Amino acid sequence: MKCHFCEAPATVHLTQIVGGKVQKVHLCEKCAKEKGVSDPSVFSLADMLLGGTPDGERLLARNEPTCPQCGFTQSDFKKTGRLGCAHCYEVFAEAVESMLRDMHKGVIHKGKMPPKFLRHQFYQRRLEDLQESLRRAVREERYEEAALLRDEIAQLETQINS
């Protein structure tokens, strides 16, 4: 086996099981010393794996989406619960949507409106429809219908103002 960091023959073999997933790292003697593998009190396999390889690639991030803008990975997102930049929303859209579906009823924010506002909005739409019908009735010279619409508009306007 070759070292994950420098491609020299590996003499130190580490295995870590996290959440049922096995992660193996193979290191040469030199890289093992540099990473502090000989001193267990200082060594953290996760920190070493999340650090970089000489070519800047993250070992754990090889097969996961990574934001090209900020370098944030899906592992980073799962760990922190936050995204690195605005572009991450596009890169991790699938993960964010599935998370939102689990947490909420849907992925589109509909918001809530106070009942008084909804009532006012309903009356405003009704008023606009009646005014349009009144204009059409006058244009088509249906004066009896126009008079009824005018009265209905006046009554609705009093309801809105009170």
N, C-alpha and C. Protein backbone atom coordinates (compact mmCIF):
# COMPACT_ATOMS: atom_id res chain seq x y z
N MET A 1 0.83 -1.18 0.00
CA MET A 1 0.00 0.00 0.00
C MET A 1 0.87 1.24 0.00
N LYS A 2 0.31 2.32 -0.54
CA LYS A 2 1.05 3.58 -0.59
C LYS A 2 0.46 4.58 0.38
N CYS A 3 1.28 5.51 0.83
CA CYS A 3 0.87 6.56 1.76
C CYS A 3 -0.15 7.48 1.07
N HIS A 4 -1.19 7.87 1.81
CA HIS A 4 -2.22 8.77 1.26
C HIS A 4 -1.67 10.17 0.98
N PHE A 5 -0.57 10.52 1.63
CA PHE A 5 -0.07 11.88 1.49
C PHE A 5 1.10 12.01 0.52
N CYS A 6 2.00 11.01 0.50
CA CYS A 6 3.19 11.21 -0.33
C CYS A 6 3.46 10.06 -1.29
N GLU A 7 2.63 9.05 -1.31
CA GLU A 7 2.76 7.92 -2.22
C GLU A 7 3.96 7.01 -1.92
N ALA A 8 4.62 7.21 -0.79
CA ALA A 8 5.70 6.31 -0.38
C ALA A 8 5.05 5.04 0.19
N PRO A 9 5.80 3.95 0.33
CA PRO A 9 5.22 2.73 0.89
C PRO A 9 4.69 2.98 2.31
N ALA A 10 3.45 2.56 2.57
CA ALA A 10 2.80 2.79 3.86
C ALA A 10 3.21 1.71 4.86
N THR A 11 3.54 2.15 6.07
CA THR A 11 3.88 1.22 7.14
C THR A 11 2.94 1.37 8.32
N VAL A 12 2.18 2.46 8.35
CA VAL A 12 1.21 2.69 9.42
C VAL A 12 -0.18 2.65 8.79
N HIS A 13 -1.05 1.81 9.37
CA HIS A 13 -2.39 1.64 8.82
C HIS A 13 -3.41 1.97 9.91
N LEU A 14 -4.27 2.96 9.63
CA LEU A 14 -5.25 3.41 10.62
C LEU A 14 -6.66 3.11 10.10
N THR A 15 -7.52 2.70 11.01
CA THR A 15 -8.91 2.43 10.67
C THR A 15 -9.78 3.14 11.70
N GLN A 16 -10.80 3.85 11.21
CA GLN A 16 -11.73 4.53 12.10
C GLN A 16 -13.14 4.21 11.62
N ILE A 17 -14.03 3.90 12.55
CA ILE A 17 -15.42 3.63 12.21
C ILE A 17 -16.26 4.75 12.80
N VAL A 18 -16.93 5.51 11.91
CA VAL A 18 -17.77 6.62 12.33
C VAL A 18 -19.14 6.42 11.71
N GLY A 19 -20.15 6.32 12.54
CA GLY A 19 -21.52 6.17 12.04
C GLY A 19 -21.68 4.95 11.15
N GLY A 20 -20.99 3.88 11.45
CA GLY A 20 -21.09 2.65 10.66
C GLY A 20 -20.27 2.65 9.39
N LYS A 21 -19.55 3.72 9.11
CA LYS A 21 -18.71 3.79 7.91
C LYS A 21 -17.25 3.61 8.31
N VAL A 22 -16.58 2.76 7.59
CA VAL A 22 -15.17 2.48 7.87
C VAL A 22 -14.30 3.40 7.01
N GLN A 23 -13.37 4.08 7.65
CA GLN A 23 -12.42 4.93 6.93
C GLN A 23 -11.02 4.42 7.24
N LYS A 24 -10.28 4.15 6.18
CA LYS A 24 -8.92 3.65 6.37
C LYS A 24 -7.93 4.65 5.81
N VAL A 25 -6.82 4.81 6.52
CA VAL A 25 -5.75 5.69 6.07
C VAL A 25 -4.45 4.92 6.20
N HIS A 26 -3.66 5.00 5.16
CA HIS A 26 -2.37 4.34 5.16
C HIS A 26 -1.30 5.42 5.05
N LEU A 27 -0.29 5.36 5.95
CA LEU A 27 0.74 6.39 6.01
C LEU A 27 2.13 5.76 5.99
N CYS A 28 3.09 6.52 5.44
CA CYS A 28 4.49 6.12 5.55
C CYS A 28 4.98 6.57 6.92
N GLU A 29 6.13 6.12 7.33
CA GLU A 29 6.67 6.45 8.65
C GLU A 29 6.84 7.97 8.84
N LYS A 30 7.34 8.63 7.78
CA LYS A 30 7.60 10.07 7.86
C LYS A 30 6.30 10.85 8.06
N CYS A 31 5.28 10.56 7.24
CA CYS A 31 4.00 11.27 7.35
C CYS A 31 3.31 10.97 8.68
N ALA A 32 3.46 9.74 9.18
CA ALA A 32 2.86 9.37 10.46
C ALA A 32 3.44 10.23 11.58
N LYS A 33 4.76 10.46 11.54
CA LYS A 33 5.40 11.29 12.56
C LYS A 33 4.94 12.74 12.43
N GLU A 34 4.87 13.25 11.18
CA GLU A 34 4.45 14.63 10.94
C GLU A 34 3.02 14.88 11.43
N LYS A 35 2.17 13.88 11.27
CA LYS A 35 0.76 14.03 11.64
C LYS A 35 0.50 13.73 13.11
N GLY A 36 1.53 13.30 13.82
CA GLY A 36 1.38 13.04 15.25
C GLY A 36 0.74 11.71 15.57
N VAL A 37 0.84 10.76 14.65
CA VAL A 37 0.24 9.45 14.87
C VAL A 37 0.92 8.72 16.02
N SER A 38 2.19 8.99 16.26
CA SER A 38 2.91 8.30 17.32
C SER A 38 2.45 8.76 18.71
N ASP A 39 1.84 9.95 18.82
CA ASP A 39 1.37 10.46 20.11
C ASP A 39 -0.15 10.51 20.10
N PRO A 40 -0.86 9.49 20.64
CA PRO A 40 -2.31 9.42 20.57
C PRO A 40 -3.03 10.60 21.22
N SER A 41 -2.40 11.27 22.18
CA SER A 41 -3.08 12.39 22.85
C SER A 41 -3.22 13.59 21.92
N VAL A 42 -2.36 13.71 20.92
CA VAL A 42 -2.38 14.83 20.00
C VAL A 42 -3.08 14.47 18.69
N PHE A 43 -3.09 13.19 18.36
CA PHE A 43 -3.55 12.73 17.06
C PHE A 43 -5.07 12.70 16.96
N SER A 44 -5.59 13.16 15.84
CA SER A 44 -7.01 13.07 15.52
C SER A 44 -7.13 12.66 14.06
N LEU A 45 -7.66 11.49 13.82
CA LEU A 45 -7.78 10.98 12.46
C LEU A 45 -8.65 11.91 11.62
N ALA A 46 -9.75 12.39 12.21
CA ALA A 46 -10.64 13.28 11.46
C ALA A 46 -9.93 14.56 11.04
N ASP A 47 -9.15 15.15 11.96
CA ASP A 47 -8.42 16.37 11.61
C ASP A 47 -7.42 16.11 10.51
N MET A 48 -6.75 14.98 10.57
CA MET A 48 -5.75 14.67 9.56
C MET A 48 -6.43 14.48 8.20
N LEU A 49 -7.56 13.76 8.20
CA LEU A 49 -8.25 13.52 6.93
C LEU A 49 -8.84 14.79 6.36
N LEU A 50 -9.31 15.68 7.23
CA LEU A 50 -9.89 16.92 6.74
C LEU A 50 -8.84 17.97 6.39
N GLY A 51 -7.60 17.71 6.79
CA GLY A 51 -6.50 18.58 6.36
C GLY A 51 -6.28 18.31 4.89
N GLY A 52 -5.24 18.82 4.32
CA GLY A 52 -5.07 18.62 2.88
C GLY A 52 -3.98 17.65 2.54
N THR A 53 -4.05 17.14 1.35
CA THR A 53 -2.96 16.37 0.79
C THR A 53 -2.05 17.38 0.10
N PRO A 54 -0.86 16.98 -0.32
CA PRO A 54 0.03 17.94 -0.96
C PRO A 54 -0.59 18.66 -2.16
N ASP A 55 -1.48 17.99 -2.88
CA ASP A 55 -2.07 18.66 -4.04
C ASP A 55 -3.34 19.42 -3.68
N GLY A 56 -3.61 19.58 -2.39
CA GLY A 56 -4.74 20.40 -1.95
C GLY A 56 -6.06 19.67 -1.89
N GLU A 57 -6.09 18.39 -2.20
CA GLU A 57 -7.34 17.64 -2.21
C GLU A 57 -7.61 17.11 -0.81
N ARG A 58 -8.85 17.16 -0.38
CA ARG A 58 -9.21 16.61 0.92
C ARG A 58 -9.50 15.13 0.74
N LEU A 59 -8.97 14.31 1.64
CA LEU A 59 -9.14 12.87 1.50
C LEU A 59 -10.60 12.45 1.64
N LEU A 60 -11.31 12.98 2.61
CA LEU A 60 -12.69 12.59 2.82
C LEU A 60 -13.61 13.19 1.76
N ALA A 61 -13.17 14.20 1.10
CA ALA A 61 -14.03 14.91 0.15
C ALA A 61 -13.87 14.40 -1.28
N ARG A 62 -13.13 13.34 -1.49
CA ARG A 62 -12.88 12.88 -2.86
C ARG A 62 -14.16 12.56 -3.61
N ASN A 63 -15.10 11.93 -2.96
CA ASN A 63 -16.30 11.48 -3.66
C ASN A 63 -17.54 12.26 -3.27
N GLU A 64 -17.39 13.44 -2.74
CA GLU A 64 -18.56 14.22 -2.35
C GLU A 64 -18.53 15.59 -3.02
N PRO A 65 -19.71 16.18 -3.19
CA PRO A 65 -19.77 17.50 -3.83
C PRO A 65 -18.98 18.54 -3.03
N THR A 66 -18.31 19.40 -3.76
CA THR A 66 -17.53 20.47 -3.15
C THR A 66 -17.84 21.77 -3.88
N CYS A 67 -18.03 22.82 -3.13
CA CYS A 67 -18.31 24.13 -3.73
C CYS A 67 -17.05 24.66 -4.39
N PRO A 68 -17.10 24.97 -5.69
CA PRO A 68 -15.91 25.49 -6.37
C PRO A 68 -15.52 26.90 -5.91
N GLN A 69 -16.46 27.64 -5.32
CA GLN A 69 -16.17 29.00 -4.87
C GLN A 69 -15.39 29.02 -3.56
N CYS A 70 -15.89 28.27 -2.55
CA CYS A 70 -15.29 28.37 -1.22
C CYS A 70 -14.63 27.08 -0.74
N GLY A 71 -14.80 25.98 -1.50
CA GLY A 71 -14.18 24.71 -1.12
C GLY A 71 -14.93 23.96 -0.04
N PHE A 72 -16.11 24.42 0.33
CA PHE A 72 -16.92 23.77 1.35
C PHE A 72 -17.40 22.42 0.82
N THR A 73 -17.39 21.38 1.66
CA THR A 73 -17.84 20.05 1.24
C THR A 73 -19.15 19.72 1.93
N GLN A 74 -19.75 18.63 1.47
CA GLN A 74 -20.99 18.19 2.09
C GLN A 74 -20.75 17.78 3.54
N SER A 75 -19.57 17.25 3.83
CA SER A 75 -19.22 16.89 5.21
C SER A 75 -19.18 18.14 6.09
N ASP A 76 -18.61 19.22 5.54
CA ASP A 76 -18.56 20.48 6.28
C ASP A 76 -19.98 20.97 6.60
N PHE A 77 -20.85 20.86 5.59
CA PHE A 77 -22.23 21.30 5.75
C PHE A 77 -22.93 20.47 6.83
N LYS A 78 -22.73 19.14 6.80
CA LYS A 78 -23.37 18.27 7.80
C LYS A 78 -22.83 18.55 9.20
N LYS A 79 -21.53 18.85 9.29
CA LYS A 79 -20.91 19.11 10.59
C LYS A 79 -21.40 20.41 11.21
N THR A 80 -21.39 21.47 10.42
CA THR A 80 -21.69 22.80 10.95
C THR A 80 -23.17 23.19 10.84
N GLY A 81 -23.87 22.58 9.87
CA GLY A 81 -25.26 22.98 9.65
C GLY A 81 -25.37 24.30 8.92
N ARG A 82 -24.25 24.78 8.41
CA ARG A 82 -24.22 26.05 7.67
C ARG A 82 -23.50 25.85 6.36
N LEU A 83 -23.76 26.76 5.42
CA LEU A 83 -23.10 26.71 4.13
C LEU A 83 -21.99 27.76 4.10
N GLY A 84 -21.00 27.54 3.23
CA GLY A 84 -19.84 28.41 3.19
C GLY A 84 -20.04 29.72 2.46
N CYS A 85 -20.85 29.70 1.38
CA CYS A 85 -21.07 30.92 0.61
C CYS A 85 -22.42 30.82 -0.11
N ALA A 86 -22.79 31.85 -0.83
CA ALA A 86 -24.08 31.86 -1.53
C ALA A 86 -24.13 30.79 -2.62
N HIS A 87 -22.99 30.50 -3.24
CA HIS A 87 -22.94 29.50 -4.31
C HIS A 87 -23.21 28.09 -3.78
N CYS A 88 -22.95 27.86 -2.50
CA CYS A 88 -23.19 26.55 -1.87
C CYS A 88 -24.65 26.12 -1.99
N TYR A 89 -25.59 27.09 -2.01
CA TYR A 89 -27.00 26.75 -2.11
C TYR A 89 -27.29 26.01 -3.41
N GLU A 90 -26.57 26.34 -4.47
CA GLU A 90 -26.75 25.64 -5.74
C GLU A 90 -26.05 24.29 -5.71
N VAL A 91 -24.83 24.25 -5.18
CA VAL A 91 -24.05 23.01 -5.15
C VAL A 91 -24.72 21.96 -4.28
N PHE A 92 -25.23 22.37 -3.12
CA PHE A 92 -25.82 21.43 -2.17
C PHE A 92 -27.34 21.48 -2.18
N ALA A 93 -27.94 21.89 -3.29
CA ALA A 93 -29.39 22.06 -3.38
C ALA A 93 -30.14 20.79 -2.98
N GLU A 94 -29.68 19.66 -3.44
CA GLU A 94 -30.37 18.40 -3.15
C GLU A 94 -30.36 18.11 -1.65
N ALA A 95 -29.22 18.27 -1.02
CA ALA A 95 -29.11 18.01 0.42
C ALA A 95 -29.96 19.00 1.22
N VAL A 96 -29.95 20.26 0.82
CA VAL A 96 -30.72 21.29 1.53
C VAL A 96 -32.21 21.01 1.39
N GLU A 97 -32.65 20.65 0.17
CA GLU A 97 -34.07 20.38 -0.05
C GLU A 97 -34.54 19.16 0.74
N SER A 98 -33.74 18.09 0.76
CA SER A 98 -34.15 16.91 1.51
C SER A 98 -34.21 17.21 3.00
N MET A 99 -33.27 18.03 3.48
CA MET A 99 -33.27 18.41 4.89
C MET A 99 -34.52 19.25 5.21
N LEU A 100 -34.87 20.17 4.32
CA LEU A 100 -36.05 21.00 4.53
C LEU A 100 -37.33 20.17 4.50
N ARG A 101 -37.38 19.18 3.59
CA ARG A 101 -38.56 18.31 3.53
C ARG A 101 -38.75 17.56 4.84
N ASP A 102 -37.62 17.14 5.45
CA ASP A 102 -37.70 16.42 6.73
C ASP A 102 -38.15 17.34 7.86
N MET A 103 -37.74 18.60 7.80
CA MET A 103 -38.03 19.54 8.88
C MET A 103 -39.38 20.23 8.73
N HIS A 104 -39.83 20.47 7.49
CA HIS A 104 -41.03 21.26 7.23
C HIS A 104 -41.97 20.49 6.31
N LYS A 105 -43.12 21.06 6.07
CA LYS A 105 -44.11 20.42 5.20
C LYS A 105 -43.72 20.50 3.73
N GLY A 106 -42.92 21.46 3.35
CA GLY A 106 -42.53 21.62 1.96
C GLY A 106 -41.22 22.38 1.86
N VAL A 107 -40.81 22.67 0.64
CA VAL A 107 -39.55 23.39 0.45
C VAL A 107 -39.76 24.81 -0.04
N ILE A 108 -41.03 25.21 -0.18
CA ILE A 108 -41.33 26.57 -0.61
C ILE A 108 -41.98 27.31 0.56
N HIS A 109 -41.44 28.47 0.90
CA HIS A 109 -41.98 29.24 2.01
C HIS A 109 -43.23 29.98 1.56
N LYS A 110 -44.33 29.67 2.22
CA LYS A 110 -45.59 30.33 1.87
C LYS A 110 -45.93 31.43 2.85
N GLY A 111 -45.46 31.30 4.05
CA GLY A 111 -45.71 32.33 5.05
C GLY A 111 -47.14 32.35 5.53
N LYS A 112 -47.39 33.18 6.49
CA LYS A 112 -48.73 33.33 7.03
C LYS A 112 -49.12 34.79 6.97
N MET A 113 -50.42 35.03 6.86
CA MET A 113 -50.92 36.40 6.85
C MET A 113 -52.00 36.52 7.93
N PRO A 114 -52.06 37.65 8.58
CA PRO A 114 -53.09 37.85 9.59
C PRO A 114 -54.48 37.78 8.94
N PRO A 115 -55.46 37.21 9.64
CA PRO A 115 -56.81 37.08 9.08
C PRO A 115 -57.39 38.42 8.62
N LYS A 116 -57.10 39.49 9.37
CA LYS A 116 -57.62 40.81 9.00
C LYS A 116 -57.09 41.24 7.63
N PHE A 117 -55.80 40.96 7.40
CA PHE A 117 -55.20 41.32 6.11
C PHE A 117 -55.81 40.49 4.98
N LEU A 118 -56.02 39.19 5.23
CA LEU A 118 -56.63 38.32 4.22
C LEU A 118 -58.03 38.80 3.87
N ARG A 119 -58.79 39.20 4.89
CA ARG A 119 -60.15 39.70 4.67
C ARG A 119 -60.09 40.97 3.82
N HIS A 120 -59.18 41.87 4.18
CA HIS A 120 -59.03 43.13 3.44
C HIS A 120 -58.64 42.84 1.98
N GLN A 121 -57.72 41.90 1.80
CA GLN A 121 -57.27 41.54 0.46
C GLN A 121 -58.44 40.97 -0.36
N PHE A 122 -59.27 40.15 0.27
CA PHE A 122 -60.44 39.58 -0.41
C PHE A 122 -61.38 40.70 -0.86
N TYR A 123 -61.65 41.64 0.06
CA TYR A 123 -62.55 42.75 -0.27
C TYR A 123 -61.97 43.61 -1.40
N GLN A 124 -60.67 43.84 -1.38
CA GLN A 124 -60.03 44.65 -2.43
C GLN A 124 -60.18 43.98 -3.80
N ARG A 125 -59.95 42.69 -3.85
CA ARG A 125 -60.11 41.97 -5.13
C ARG A 125 -61.56 42.02 -5.61
N ARG A 126 -62.48 41.80 -4.68
CA ARG A 126 -63.91 41.84 -5.02
C ARG A 126 -64.27 43.23 -5.54
N LEU A 127 -63.76 44.27 -4.90
CA LEU A 127 -64.03 45.65 -5.31
C LEU A 127 -63.51 45.90 -6.72
N GLU A 128 -62.29 45.44 -7.01
CA GLU A 128 -61.71 45.63 -8.35
C GLU A 128 -62.54 44.90 -9.40
N ASP A 129 -63.00 43.69 -9.08
CA ASP A 129 -63.84 42.93 -10.02
C ASP A 129 -65.16 43.66 -10.30
N LEU A 130 -65.77 44.19 -9.22
CA LEU A 130 -67.03 44.92 -9.40
C LEU A 130 -66.84 46.18 -10.23
N GLN A 131 -65.75 46.90 -9.98
CA GLN A 131 -65.49 48.12 -10.74
C GLN A 131 -65.27 47.81 -12.22
N GLU A 132 -64.60 46.71 -12.50
CA GLU A 132 -64.40 46.31 -13.90
C GLU A 132 -65.74 45.94 -14.54
N SER A 133 -66.58 45.23 -13.79
CA SER A 133 -67.91 44.87 -14.31
C SER A 133 -68.75 46.11 -14.55
N LEU A 134 -68.64 47.10 -13.65
CA LEU A 134 -69.37 48.37 -13.81
C LEU A 134 -68.93 49.08 -15.10
N ARG A 135 -67.61 49.15 -15.32
CA ARG A 135 -67.11 49.81 -16.54
C ARG A 135 -67.63 49.10 -17.79
N ARG A 136 -67.62 47.77 -17.76
CA ARG A 136 -68.10 47.00 -18.90
C ARG A 136 -69.59 47.23 -19.12
N ALA A 137 -70.38 47.24 -18.03
CA ALA A 137 -71.82 47.46 -18.14
C ALA A 137 -72.13 48.84 -18.72
N VAL A 138 -71.40 49.87 -18.29
CA VAL A 138 -71.62 51.23 -18.81
C VAL A 138 -71.22 51.28 -20.28
N ARG A 139 -70.09 50.66 -20.63
CA ARG A 139 -69.62 50.67 -22.01
C ARG A 139 -70.63 49.99 -22.94
N GLU A 140 -71.28 48.93 -22.42
CA GLU A 140 -72.26 48.19 -23.22
C GLU A 140 -73.69 48.71 -23.02
N GLU A 141 -73.81 49.84 -22.32
CA GLU A 141 -75.08 50.53 -22.10
C GLU A 141 -76.13 49.67 -21.40
N ARG A 142 -75.69 48.90 -20.41
CA ARG A 142 -76.59 48.12 -19.55
C ARG A 142 -76.72 48.89 -18.24
N TYR A 143 -77.54 49.92 -18.24
CA TYR A 143 -77.59 50.87 -17.14
C TYR A 143 -78.24 50.32 -15.86
N GLU A 144 -79.23 49.43 -16.00
CA GLU A 144 -79.85 48.86 -14.81
C GLU A 144 -78.82 48.02 -14.04
N GLU A 145 -78.08 47.20 -14.77
CA GLU A 145 -77.04 46.37 -14.16
C GLU A 145 -75.94 47.26 -13.57
N ALA A 146 -75.61 48.35 -14.27
CA ALA A 146 -74.59 49.29 -13.79
C ALA A 146 -75.02 49.93 -12.47
N ALA A 147 -76.31 50.25 -12.35
CA ALA A 147 -76.80 50.86 -11.12
C ALA A 147 -76.69 49.87 -9.95
N LEU A 148 -77.01 48.61 -10.19
CA LEU A 148 -76.89 47.58 -9.15
C LEU A 148 -75.42 47.40 -8.74
N LEU A 149 -74.54 47.39 -9.71
CA LEU A 149 -73.10 47.25 -9.43
C LEU A 149 -72.59 48.45 -8.64
N ARG A 150 -73.07 49.66 -9.02
CA ARG A 150 -72.67 50.88 -8.30
C ARG A 150 -73.06 50.80 -6.83
N ASP A 151 -74.30 50.31 -6.56
CA ASP A 151 -74.77 50.18 -5.19
C ASP A 151 -73.95 49.14 -4.42
N GLU A 152 -73.64 48.03 -5.09
CA GLU A 152 -72.85 46.98 -4.45
C GLU A 152 -71.43 47.47 -4.13
N ILE A 153 -70.87 48.27 -5.05
CA ILE A 153 -69.54 48.85 -4.82
C ILE A 153 -69.57 49.79 -3.61
N ALA A 154 -70.60 50.62 -3.52
CA ALA A 154 -70.72 51.56 -2.40
C ALA A 154 -70.83 50.80 -1.08
N GLN A 155 -71.61 49.72 -1.06
CA GLN A 155 -71.77 48.92 0.16
C GLN A 155 -70.45 48.26 0.54
N LEU A 156 -69.72 47.73 -0.44
CA LEU A 156 -68.43 47.08 -0.18
C LEU A 156 -67.40 48.08 0.32
N GLU A 157 -67.41 49.29 -0.24
CA GLU A 157 -66.47 50.33 0.21
C GLU A 157 -66.72 50.71 1.67
N THR A 158 -68.01 50.72 2.08
CA THR A 158 -68.30 51.02 3.49
C THR A 158 -67.78 49.91 4.39
N GLN A 159 -67.91 48.66 3.95
CA GLN A 159 -67.40 47.53 4.72
C GLN A 159 -65.87 47.62 4.86
N ILE A 160 -65.21 47.98 3.79
CA ILE A 160 -63.74 48.07 3.81
C ILE A 160 -63.30 49.18 4.75
N ASN A 161 -63.97 50.31 4.72
CA ASN A 161 -63.56 51.46 5.54
C ASN A 161 -63.89 51.30 7.02
N SER A 162 -64.81 50.38 7.34
CA SER A 162 -65.15 50.21 8.77
C SER A 162 -64.39 49.09 9.43
